C-alpha atoms as a PDB file:
ATOM      1  CA  UNK A   1      34.506  69.917 -53.801  1.00  0.00           C
ATOM      2  CA  UNK A   2      30.876  70.544 -55.186  1.00  0.00           C
ATOM      3  CA  UNK A   3      30.806  71.325 -58.613  1.00  0.00           C
ATOM      4  CA  UNK A   4      29.534  74.864 -59.634  1.00  0.00           C
ATOM      5  CA  UNK A   5      26.075  74.946 -60.594  1.00  0.00           C
ATOM      6  CA  UNK A   6      25.276  76.083 -64.327  1.00  0.00           C
ATOM      7  CA  UNK A   7      22.380  78.428 -64.888  1.00  0.00           C
ATOM      8  CA  UNK A   8      21.135  78.870 -68.398  1.00  0.00           C
ATOM      9  CA  UNK A   9      19.330  82.076 -69.139  1.00  0.00           C
ATOM     10  CA  UNK A  10      17.166  82.517 -72.220  1.00  0.00           C
ATOM     11  CA  UNK A  11      16.294  85.725 -73.652  1.00  0.00           C
ATOM     12  CA  UNK A  12      17.135  88.183 -76.413  1.00  0.00           C
ATOM     13  CA  UNK A  13      16.603  91.154 -74.067  1.00  0.00           C
ATOM     14  CA  UNK A  14      19.927  92.381 -72.540  1.00  0.00           C
ATOM     15  CA  UNK A  15      18.422  93.826 -69.609  1.00  0.00           C
ATOM     16  CA  UNK A  16      16.826  90.639 -68.405  1.00  0.00           C
ATOM     17  CA  UNK A  17      20.044  88.506 -67.912  1.00  0.00           C
ATOM     18  CA  UNK A  18      21.438  91.921 -66.467  1.00  0.00           C
ATOM     19  CA  UNK A  19      18.824  92.340 -64.122  1.00  0.00           C
ATOM     20  CA  UNK A  20      18.529  88.756 -62.872  1.00  0.00           C
ATOM     21  CA  UNK A  21      22.303  88.388 -62.591  1.00  0.00           C
ATOM     22  CA  UNK A  22      22.596  91.395 -60.445  1.00  0.00           C
ATOM     23  CA  UNK A  23      19.966  90.501 -58.293  1.00  0.00           C
ATOM     24  CA  UNK A  24      21.500  86.722 -57.812  1.00  0.00           C
ATOM     25  CA  UNK A  25      24.956  87.897 -57.378  1.00  0.00           C
ATOM     26  CA  UNK A  26      24.131  90.511 -54.354  1.00  0.00           C
ATOM     27  CA  UNK A  27      23.014  87.420 -52.370  1.00  0.00           C
ATOM     28  CA  UNK A  28      26.231  85.929 -52.695  1.00  0.00           C
ATOM     29  CA  UNK A  29      27.205  82.283 -53.745  1.00  0.00           C
ATOM     30  CA  UNK A  30      26.209  82.733 -57.380  1.00  0.00           C
ATOM     31  CA  UNK A  31      26.184  79.789 -60.114  1.00  0.00           C
ATOM     32  CA  UNK A  32      27.733  79.992 -63.629  1.00  0.00           C
ATOM     33  CA  UNK A  33      25.621  81.982 -65.969  1.00  0.00           C
ATOM     34  CA  UNK A  34      25.407  81.020 -69.515  1.00  0.00           C
ATOM     35  CA  UNK A  35      23.094  83.153 -71.948  1.00  0.00           C
ATOM     36  CA  UNK A  36      21.219  82.165 -74.720  1.00  0.00           C
ATOM     37  CA  UNK A  37      18.731  83.591 -76.942  1.00  0.00           C
ATOM     38  CA  UNK A  38      15.392  81.990 -76.579  1.00  0.00           C
ATOM     39  CA  UNK A  39      15.048  81.343 -80.377  1.00  0.00           C
ATOM     40  CA  UNK A  40      18.257  78.840 -80.124  1.00  0.00           C
ATOM     41  CA  UNK A  41      16.579  76.781 -77.752  1.00  0.00           C
ATOM     42  CA  UNK A  42      15.002  74.103 -79.877  1.00  0.00           C
ATOM     43  CA  UNK A  43      17.531  71.805 -79.083  1.00  0.00           C
ATOM     44  CA  UNK A  44      18.908  72.269 -75.409  1.00  0.00           C
ATOM     45  CA  UNK A  45      21.688  69.483 -74.161  1.00  0.00           C
ATOM     46  CA  UNK A  46      20.238  68.750 -70.570  1.00  0.00           C
ATOM     47  CA  UNK A  47      24.033  67.848 -69.315  1.00  0.00           C
ATOM     48  CA  UNK A  48      25.390  71.470 -70.104  1.00  0.00           C
ATOM     49  CA  UNK A  49      23.130  73.280 -67.514  1.00  0.00           C
ATOM     50  CA  UNK A  50      21.524  72.612 -64.101  1.00  0.00           C
ATOM     51  CA  UNK A  51      18.463  75.056 -64.381  1.00  0.00           C
ATOM     52  CA  UNK A  52      17.149  77.356 -67.465  1.00  0.00           C
ATOM     53  CA  UNK A  53      15.361  80.561 -66.517  1.00  0.00           C
ATOM     54  CA  UNK A  54      13.724  82.013 -69.834  1.00  0.00           C
ATOM     55  CA  UNK A  55      11.920  85.190 -70.441  1.00  0.00           C
ATOM     56  CA  UNK A  56       8.604  84.861 -72.455  1.00  0.00           C
ATOM     57  CA  UNK A  57       7.531  88.045 -73.785  1.00  0.00           C
ATOM     58  CA  UNK A  58       4.331  86.717 -75.744  1.00  0.00           C
ATOM     59  CA  UNK A  59       1.750  83.793 -75.094  1.00  0.00           C
ATOM     60  CA  UNK A  60       3.359  82.048 -77.871  1.00  0.00           C
ATOM     61  CA  UNK A  61       6.681  82.070 -76.685  1.00  0.00           C
ATOM     62  CA  UNK A  62       5.510  80.997 -73.220  1.00  0.00           C
ATOM     63  CA  UNK A  63       4.095  77.838 -74.453  1.00  0.00           C
ATOM     64  CA  UNK A  64       7.021  77.016 -76.618  1.00  0.00           C
ATOM     65  CA  UNK A  65       9.670  77.789 -73.907  1.00  0.00           C
ATOM     66  CA  UNK A  66       7.707  75.738 -71.332  1.00  0.00           C
ATOM     67  CA  UNK A  67       7.411  72.807 -73.492  1.00  0.00           C
ATOM     68  CA  UNK A  68      10.939  72.846 -74.791  1.00  0.00           C
ATOM     69  CA  UNK A  69      12.222  73.369 -71.184  1.00  0.00           C
ATOM     70  CA  UNK A  70      10.099  70.498 -70.148  1.00  0.00           C
ATOM     71  CA  UNK A  71      11.480  68.232 -73.004  1.00  0.00           C
ATOM     72  CA  UNK A  72      14.823  68.685 -71.865  1.00  0.00           C
ATOM     73  CA  UNK A  73      14.173  66.978 -68.608  1.00  0.00           C
ATOM     74  CA  UNK A  74      15.735  69.579 -66.249  1.00  0.00           C
ATOM     75  CA  UNK A  75      14.394  72.301 -64.106  1.00  0.00           C
ATOM     76  CA  UNK A  76      13.287  75.567 -65.438  1.00  0.00           C
ATOM     77  CA  UNK A  77      11.719  78.765 -64.741  1.00  0.00           C
ATOM     78  CA  UNK A  78       9.936  80.775 -67.149  1.00  0.00           C
ATOM     79  CA  UNK A  79       9.313  84.285 -66.436  1.00  0.00           C
ATOM     80  CA  UNK A  80       6.008  85.492 -68.484  1.00  0.00           C
ATOM     81  CA  UNK A  81       4.721  88.912 -69.107  1.00  0.00           C
ATOM     82  CA  UNK A  82       1.172  87.816 -70.656  1.00  0.00           C
ATOM     83  CA  UNK A  83      -1.943  88.354 -68.009  1.00  0.00           C
ATOM     84  CA  UNK A  84      -3.119  84.744 -68.449  1.00  0.00           C
ATOM     85  CA  UNK A  85      -2.849  82.397 -65.726  1.00  0.00           C
ATOM     86  CA  UNK A  86      -0.202  79.936 -65.452  1.00  0.00           C
ATOM     87  CA  UNK A  87      -0.844  76.015 -66.496  1.00  0.00           C
ATOM     88  CA  UNK A  88      -1.614  73.883 -63.761  1.00  0.00           C
ATOM     89  CA  UNK A  89      -0.193  70.955 -65.778  1.00  0.00           C
ATOM     90  CA  UNK A  90       2.329  68.929 -63.742  1.00  0.00           C
ATOM     91  CA  UNK A  91       5.913  69.790 -65.118  1.00  0.00           C
ATOM     92  CA  UNK A  92       9.582  70.596 -64.132  1.00  0.00           C
ATOM     93  CA  UNK A  93       9.139  74.080 -65.122  1.00  0.00           C
ATOM     94  CA  UNK A  94       7.653  76.687 -62.789  1.00  0.00           C
ATOM     95  CA  UNK A  95       5.972  79.899 -64.288  1.00  0.00           C
ATOM     96  CA  UNK A  96       6.353  83.255 -62.536  1.00  0.00           C
ATOM     97  CA  UNK A  97       4.929  86.622 -63.631  1.00  0.00           C
ATOM     98  CA  UNK A  98       7.071  89.376 -64.394  1.00  0.00           C
ATOM     99  CA  UNK A  99       5.940  91.815 -61.715  1.00  0.00           C
ATOM    100  CA  UNK A 100       7.538  95.211 -61.745  1.00  0.00           C
ATOM    101  CA  UNK A 101      10.525  95.514 -59.058  1.00  0.00           C
ATOM    102  CA  UNK A 102      10.554  92.114 -57.457  1.00  0.00           C
ATOM    103  CA  UNK A 103      10.641  89.633 -60.289  1.00  0.00           C
ATOM    104  CA  UNK A 104      14.516  89.349 -60.172  1.00  0.00           C
ATOM    105  CA  UNK A 105      14.411  88.656 -56.612  1.00  0.00           C
ATOM    106  CA  UNK A 106      11.693  86.233 -56.391  1.00  0.00           C
ATOM    107  CA  UNK A 107      13.439  84.082 -59.619  1.00  0.00           C
ATOM    108  CA  UNK A 108      16.805  84.082 -57.854  1.00  0.00           C
ATOM    109  CA  UNK A 109      15.400  83.058 -54.582  1.00  0.00           C
ATOM    110  CA  UNK A 110      13.346  80.108 -56.259  1.00  0.00           C
ATOM    111  CA  UNK A 111      16.409  79.476 -58.559  1.00  0.00           C
ATOM    112  CA  UNK A 112      18.534  79.280 -55.374  1.00  0.00           C
ATOM    113  CA  UNK A 113      16.313  76.892 -53.574  1.00  0.00           C
ATOM    114  CA  UNK A 114      16.060  74.557 -56.705  1.00  0.00           C
ATOM    115  CA  UNK A 115      19.743  74.164 -57.109  1.00  0.00           C
ATOM    116  CA  UNK A 116      20.113  73.507 -53.314  1.00  0.00           C
ATOM    117  CA  UNK A 117      17.682  70.564 -53.621  1.00  0.00           C
ATOM    118  CA  UNK A 118      19.754  69.226 -56.798  1.00  0.00           C
ATOM    119  CA  UNK A 119      22.757  69.609 -55.087  1.00  0.00           C
ATOM    120  CA  UNK A 120      21.240  67.523 -52.116  1.00  0.00           C
ATOM    121  CA  UNK A 121      19.873  64.897 -54.203  1.00  0.00           C
ATOM    122  CA  UNK A 122      22.801  64.430 -55.916  1.00  0.00           C
ATOM    123  CA  UNK A 123      24.933  63.929 -52.466  1.00  0.00           C
ATOM    124  CA  UNK A 124      22.207  61.273 -51.517  1.00  0.00           C
ATOM    125  CA  UNK A 125      22.575  59.623 -54.702  1.00  0.00           C
ATOM    126  CA  UNK A 126      26.258  59.428 -54.702  1.00  0.00           C
ATOM    127  CA  UNK A 127      26.210  58.477 -51.100  1.00  0.00           C
ATOM    128  CA  UNK A 128      23.680  55.476 -51.920  1.00  0.00           C
ATOM    129  CA  UNK A 129      26.261  54.455 -54.711  1.00  0.00           C
ATOM    130  CA  UNK A 130      29.070  54.454 -52.262  1.00  0.00           C
ATOM    131  CA  UNK A 131      27.080  52.356 -49.863  1.00  0.00           C
ATOM    132  CA  UNK A 132      26.276  49.787 -52.579  1.00  0.00           C
ATOM    133  CA  UNK A 133      29.851  49.509 -53.414  1.00  0.00           C
ATOM    134  CA  UNK A 134      30.757  48.950 -49.706  1.00  0.00           C
ATOM    135  CA  UNK A 135      28.449  46.233 -49.161  1.00  0.00           C
ATOM    136  CA  UNK A 136      29.728  44.338 -52.468  1.00  0.00           C
ATOM    137  CA  UNK A 137      33.045  44.732 -51.180  1.00  0.00           C
ATOM    138  CA  UNK A 138      31.773  43.445 -47.468  1.00  0.00           C
ATOM    139  CA  UNK A 139      29.874  40.685 -48.973  1.00  0.00           C
ATOM    140  CA  UNK A 140      33.466  39.682 -50.625  1.00  0.00           C
ATOM    141  CA  UNK A 141      35.250  40.041 -47.251  1.00  0.00           C
ATOM    142  CA  UNK A 142      32.735  38.165 -45.376  1.00  0.00           C
ATOM    143  CA  UNK A 143      33.032  35.126 -47.857  1.00  0.00           C
ATOM    144  CA  UNK A 144      36.645  35.411 -47.645  1.00  0.00           C
ATOM    145  CA  UNK A 145      36.675  35.274 -43.715  1.00  0.00           C
ATOM    146  CA  UNK A 146      34.151  32.789 -43.694  1.00  0.00           C
ATOM    147  CA  UNK A 147      36.761  30.662 -46.036  1.00  0.00           C
ATOM    148  CA  UNK A 148      39.521  31.396 -44.094  1.00  0.00           C
ATOM    149  CA  UNK A 149      39.626  28.336 -41.701  1.00  0.00           C
ATOM    150  CA  UNK A 150      39.062  26.070 -44.889  1.00  0.00           C
ATOM    151  CA  UNK A 151      41.764  27.542 -46.857  1.00  0.00           C
ATOM    152  CA  UNK A 152      44.095  27.229 -43.632  1.00  0.00           C
ATOM    153  CA  UNK A 153      43.254  23.526 -43.239  1.00  0.00           C
ATOM    154  CA  UNK A 154      44.275  22.903 -47.067  1.00  0.00           C
ATOM    155  CA  UNK A 155      47.374  24.863 -46.691  1.00  0.00           C
ATOM    156  CA  UNK A 156      47.967  22.790 -43.408  1.00  0.00           C
ATOM    157  CA  UNK A 157      47.780  19.776 -45.231  1.00  0.00           C
ATOM    158  CA  UNK A 158      49.866  20.984 -48.497  1.00  0.00           C
ATOM    159  CA  UNK A 159      53.020  22.435 -46.179  1.00  0.00           C
ATOM    160  CA  UNK A 160      53.078  18.807 -44.187  1.00  0.00           C
ATOM    161  CA  UNK A 161      53.002  16.943 -47.263  1.00  0.00           C
ATOM    162  CA  UNK A 162      55.806  18.933 -48.969  1.00  0.00           C
ATOM    163  CA  UNK A 163      57.857  19.032 -45.960  1.00  0.00           C
ATOM    164  CA  UNK A 164      57.382  14.923 -46.190  1.00  0.00           C
ATOM    165  CA  UNK A 165      58.512  15.018 -49.669  1.00  0.00           C
ATOM    166  CA  UNK A 166      61.904  17.086 -48.726  1.00  0.00           C
ATOM    167  CA  UNK A 167      62.659  14.669 -46.203  1.00  0.00           C
ATOM    168  CA  UNK A 168      62.371  11.616 -48.715  1.00  0.00           C
ATOM    169  CA  UNK A 169      65.754   9.828 -49.129  1.00  0.00           C
ATOM    170  CA  UNK A 170      66.782   9.606 -52.580  1.00  0.00           C
ATOM    171  CA  UNK A 171      64.241  11.837 -53.979  1.00  0.00           C
ATOM    172  CA  UNK A 172      65.477  13.176 -57.602  1.00  0.00           C
ATOM    173  CA  UNK A 173      66.662  16.796 -57.642  1.00  0.00           C
ATOM    174  CA  UNK A 174      63.899  18.157 -60.003  1.00  0.00           C
ATOM    175  CA  UNK A 175      61.228  16.652 -57.601  1.00  0.00           C
ATOM    176  CA  UNK A 176      63.042  17.957 -54.643  1.00  0.00           C
ATOM    177  CA  UNK A 177      62.970  21.507 -55.979  1.00  0.00           C
ATOM    178  CA  UNK A 178      59.217  21.637 -56.762  1.00  0.00           C
ATOM    179  CA  UNK A 179      58.803  20.132 -53.340  1.00  0.00           C
ATOM    180  CA  UNK A 180      60.474  23.025 -52.145  1.00  0.00           C
ATOM    181  CA  UNK A 181      58.423  25.635 -54.478  1.00  0.00           C
ATOM    182  CA  UNK A 182      55.038  24.045 -53.287  1.00  0.00           C
ATOM    183  CA  UNK A 183      56.391  24.568 -49.530  1.00  0.00           C
ATOM    184  CA  UNK A 184      57.430  28.211 -50.058  1.00  0.00           C
ATOM    185  CA  UNK A 185      54.344  28.921 -52.280  1.00  0.00           C
ATOM    186  CA  UNK A 186      52.045  27.506 -49.032  1.00  0.00           C
ATOM    187  CA  UNK A 187      53.689  29.428 -46.726  1.00  0.00           C
ATOM    188  CA  UNK A 188      53.320  32.730 -48.656  1.00  0.00           C
ATOM    189  CA  UNK A 189      49.610  31.970 -49.273  1.00  0.00           C
ATOM    190  CA  UNK A 190      49.375  31.050 -45.431  1.00  0.00           C
ATOM    191  CA  UNK A 191      50.652  34.299 -44.453  1.00  0.00           C
ATOM    192  CA  UNK A 192      48.269  36.274 -46.695  1.00  0.00           C
ATOM    193  CA  UNK A 193      45.170  34.551 -45.368  1.00  0.00           C
ATOM    194  CA  UNK A 194      46.660  35.334 -41.853  1.00  0.00           C
ATOM    195  CA  UNK A 195      45.961  38.924 -42.421  1.00  0.00           C
ATOM    196  CA  UNK A 196      41.941  38.151 -42.855  1.00  0.00           C
ATOM    197  CA  UNK A 197      41.825  37.394 -38.793  1.00  0.00           C
ATOM    198  CA  UNK A 198      41.373  41.390 -38.316  1.00  0.00           C
ATOM    199  CA  UNK A 199      39.377  41.818 -41.625  1.00  0.00           C
ATOM    200  CA  UNK A 200      35.674  41.082 -39.873  1.00  0.00           C
ATOM    201  CA  UNK A 201      36.050  43.571 -37.555  1.00  0.00           C
ATOM    202  CA  UNK A 202      37.411  46.168 -40.148  1.00  0.00           C
ATOM    203  CA  UNK A 203      34.329  45.348 -42.209  1.00  0.00           C
ATOM    204  CA  UNK A 204      31.887  45.630 -39.225  1.00  0.00           C
ATOM    205  CA  UNK A 205      33.251  49.380 -38.532  1.00  0.00           C
ATOM    206  CA  UNK A 206      32.959  50.179 -42.123  1.00  0.00           C
ATOM    207  CA  UNK A 207      29.656  49.071 -42.446  1.00  0.00           C
ATOM    208  CA  UNK A 208      28.541  51.100 -39.646  1.00  0.00           C
ATOM    209  CA  UNK A 209      30.220  54.289 -40.653  1.00  0.00           C
ATOM    210  CA  UNK A 210      28.636  54.054 -44.019  1.00  0.00           C
ATOM    211  CA  UNK A 211      25.188  53.176 -42.664  1.00  0.00           C
ATOM    212  CA  UNK A 212      25.673  56.398 -40.072  1.00  0.00           C
ATOM    213  CA  UNK A 213      26.826  58.625 -43.479  1.00  0.00           C
ATOM    214  CA  UNK A 214      23.833  57.562 -45.710  1.00  0.00           C
ATOM    215  CA  UNK A 215      21.450  58.186 -42.487  1.00  0.00           C
ATOM    216  CA  UNK A 216      23.087  61.619 -42.153  1.00  0.00           C
ATOM    217  CA  UNK A 217      23.085  62.445 -45.871  1.00  0.00           C
ATOM    218  CA  UNK A 218      19.167  61.410 -46.218  1.00  0.00           C
ATOM    219  CA  UNK A 219      18.279  63.367 -42.953  1.00  0.00           C
ATOM    220  CA  UNK A 220      19.907  66.592 -44.156  1.00  0.00           C
ATOM    221  CA  UNK A 221      17.931  66.104 -47.716  1.00  0.00           C
ATOM    222  CA  UNK A 222      14.802  65.859 -45.837  1.00  0.00           C
ATOM    223  CA  UNK A 223      15.405  68.820 -43.721  1.00  0.00           C
ATOM    224  CA  UNK A 224      16.342  70.691 -46.848  1.00  0.00           C
END
């Protein structure tokens, strides 16, 4: 199940979050909205939200909000009212003019796209992590398969010698008991390693499925 995204709205104007959330919710599949006054955004906790949307009514607030959101390292959108052009400096923060009637629609559309890409990147990263784990387990499994023959040979020798000891005439009771123990433990180990006979095939199937899943996730991310 995908985690519900959180959108942080920074504004002191009650009409701003109302218009934005109403427009976003009309499109369906709305995230969780958290409202915070822009004057309290000096130390944003990046782990508490996925996207921040801020209202800047003056050029000073616009510059401050953009710098604050960029410092947090999360995607952000600043809706500004001053007529000066937006900065061309590379930044995870997008600036949009607050044009009449359609600013909320533009912001919600852009916000949806940002959240969708974040989710795609998160799924791709998780798929890569699982792929790395599967590769590590497959390496261990292949090593165990390669050692199967050597271990079986060693166990055969242990079993043979344990059986010879049990047949030795006049063997003291404690030594005979130890020979039985060695024999039984060697049999148990032999049974465990016999199960590795089908392990190589299972690992090959798992590796192919993992590669297919990673390819599908990458294709979906590139196509999004």
